[in-house]
Amino acid sequence: MKVAYVFATSGHTASYKLGKMILPQMEDDRHGVEVVGMMFFDDNNYVLRAGDPIGERLAQVAARTGTLLMMCDQCALERGLAEGELGQCVPKHTVAGVRVGCFPDLYVALAGNPPDHIITL
């Protein structure tokens, strides 16, 4: 089974649920599903900053597994983690492999390897 995670809830969703639950399981190849993508909104984007311990670990796992890591373009711009204009942003000061976009970009990015389920946290 393939899943994609959307980190949309404010607070410590990415740092806690991703950092303490999902990521350790992915690192140990015991998560039980193939994670094909992760989309980050609001302050959850901060875990993708260069040097962030969770983000650096996640980037390594994503590179190994082919997991898409994408930040909401508007959220990333507001937090200084992207530069450019809406619809044409590039990541800035992030871990390796991060992409920036909006839902249409996410759909295109996952089209070649679509998830069976999308889980919003």
Protein backbone atom coordinates (compact mmCIF):
# COMPACT_ATOMS: atom_id res chain seq x y z
CA MET A 1 0.00 0.00 0.00
CA LYS A 2 1.16 3.52 -0.81
CA VAL A 3 0.37 6.58 1.32
CA ALA A 4 1.00 10.30 1.19
CA TYR A 5 1.01 12.47 4.29
CA VAL A 6 -0.27 16.04 4.43
CA PHE A 7 1.01 17.91 7.48
CA ALA A 8 -1.66 20.58 7.82
CA THR A 9 -2.44 20.84 11.52
CA SER A 10 -0.85 23.74 13.37
CA GLY A 11 1.41 23.14 16.30
CA HIS A 12 3.98 20.40 16.59
CA THR A 13 2.47 17.98 14.09
CA ALA A 14 5.56 17.50 11.95
CA SER A 15 8.07 17.69 14.76
CA TYR A 16 6.16 15.29 17.00
CA LYS A 17 4.14 12.89 14.84
CA LEU A 18 6.68 12.79 12.04
CA GLY A 19 9.81 13.10 14.15
CA LYS A 20 8.86 10.69 16.92
CA MET A 21 6.51 8.23 15.20
CA ILE A 22 6.63 8.07 11.41
CA LEU A 23 10.28 8.89 10.68
CA PRO A 24 11.84 6.38 13.10
CA GLN A 25 9.69 3.65 11.54
CA MET A 26 10.72 4.72 8.03
CA GLU A 27 14.37 4.77 9.03
CA ASP A 28 14.07 1.20 10.34
CA ASP A 29 12.02 0.00 7.33
CA ARG A 30 9.13 -0.95 9.61
CA HIS A 31 6.51 1.68 8.75
CA GLY A 32 4.42 -0.95 6.98
CA VAL A 33 3.55 1.09 3.88
CA GLU A 34 5.39 2.86 1.10
CA VAL A 35 5.37 6.62 1.73
CA VAL A 36 5.31 8.22 -1.72
CA GLY A 37 4.96 11.83 -0.65
CA MET A 38 4.72 14.38 2.12
CA MET A 39 3.21 17.85 1.79
CA PHE A 40 3.92 20.45 4.48
CA PHE A 41 1.78 23.47 5.38
CA ASP A 42 2.10 26.37 7.82
CA ASP A 43 4.80 26.05 10.51
CA ASN A 44 5.26 22.37 9.72
CA ASN A 45 7.56 23.63 6.95
CA TYR A 46 10.19 24.51 9.53
CA VAL A 47 11.27 20.88 9.91
CA LEU A 48 12.55 21.11 6.34
CA ARG A 49 15.06 23.86 7.15
CA ALA A 50 18.68 23.03 6.44
CA GLY A 51 20.27 21.83 9.66
CA ASP A 52 17.02 20.80 11.33
CA PRO A 53 17.69 17.33 12.83
CA ILE A 54 14.31 15.91 11.76
CA GLY A 55 14.58 17.45 8.32
CA GLU A 56 18.09 16.16 7.74
CA ARG A 57 17.03 12.63 8.74
CA LEU A 58 13.92 12.90 6.58
CA ALA A 59 15.95 14.06 3.57
CA GLN A 60 18.17 10.98 3.89
CA VAL A 61 15.18 8.64 4.04
CA ALA A 62 13.47 10.44 1.16
CA ALA A 63 16.58 10.15 -1.01
CA ARG A 64 16.80 6.43 -0.27
CA THR A 65 13.08 5.69 -0.78
CA GLY A 66 12.12 8.23 -3.45
CA THR A 67 9.62 9.96 -1.16
CA LEU A 68 8.49 13.36 -2.43
CA LEU A 69 8.98 16.22 0.04
CA MET A 70 6.98 19.32 -0.88
CA MET A 71 6.28 22.59 0.90
CA CYS A 72 3.25 24.77 0.24
CA ASP A 73 4.60 27.63 -1.87
CA GLN A 74 2.74 30.39 -0.03
CA CYS A 75 3.62 28.95 3.38
CA ALA A 76 7.27 28.57 2.41
CA LEU A 77 7.50 32.12 1.02
CA GLU A 78 5.98 33.58 4.20
CA ARG A 79 8.56 31.72 6.32
CA GLY A 80 11.60 32.59 4.21
CA LEU A 81 12.03 28.98 3.04
CA ALA A 82 11.43 29.76 -0.64
CA GLU A 83 12.06 32.57 -3.05
CA GLY A 84 10.34 33.67 -6.21
CA GLU A 85 6.69 34.20 -7.01
CA LEU A 86 3.70 32.00 -6.27
CA GLY A 87 3.65 29.25 -8.84
CA GLN A 88 7.35 29.68 -9.59
CA CYS A 89 9.12 29.24 -6.26
CA VAL A 90 12.33 27.47 -5.44
CA PRO A 91 13.35 26.25 -1.99
CA LYS A 92 15.77 28.34 0.04
CA HIS A 93 17.81 27.16 3.05
CA THR A 94 16.11 23.75 3.10
CA VAL A 95 17.30 20.16 3.32
CA ALA A 96 18.17 18.43 0.06
CA GLY A 97 15.44 17.31 -2.28
CA VAL A 98 12.62 19.59 -1.14
CA ARG A 99 10.23 20.94 -3.73
CA VAL A 100 7.89 23.92 -3.46
CA GLY A 101 4.43 24.06 -4.95
CA CYS A 102 0.69 24.05 -4.58
CA PHE A 103 -1.87 21.26 -4.88
CA PRO A 104 -1.70 21.13 -8.71
CA ASP A 105 2.08 20.66 -8.41
CA LEU A 106 1.56 17.91 -5.83
CA TYR A 107 -0.87 16.09 -8.13
CA VAL A 108 1.59 16.20 -11.02
CA ALA A 109 4.50 15.13 -8.80
CA LEU A 110 2.58 12.10 -7.49
CA ALA A 111 0.93 11.14 -10.80
CA GLY A 112 3.67 8.67 -11.71
CA ASN A 113 3.49 6.95 -8.31
CA PRO A 114 0.06 7.76 -6.85
CA PRO A 115 -0.84 6.96 -3.25
CA ASP A 116 -3.64 4.59 -2.34
CA HIS A 117 -4.44 6.74 0.70
CA ILE A 118 -3.79 10.33 1.76
CA ILE A 119 -3.45 10.92 5.48
CA THR A 120 -3.81 14.43 6.86
CA LEU A 121 -2.14 15.12 10.18
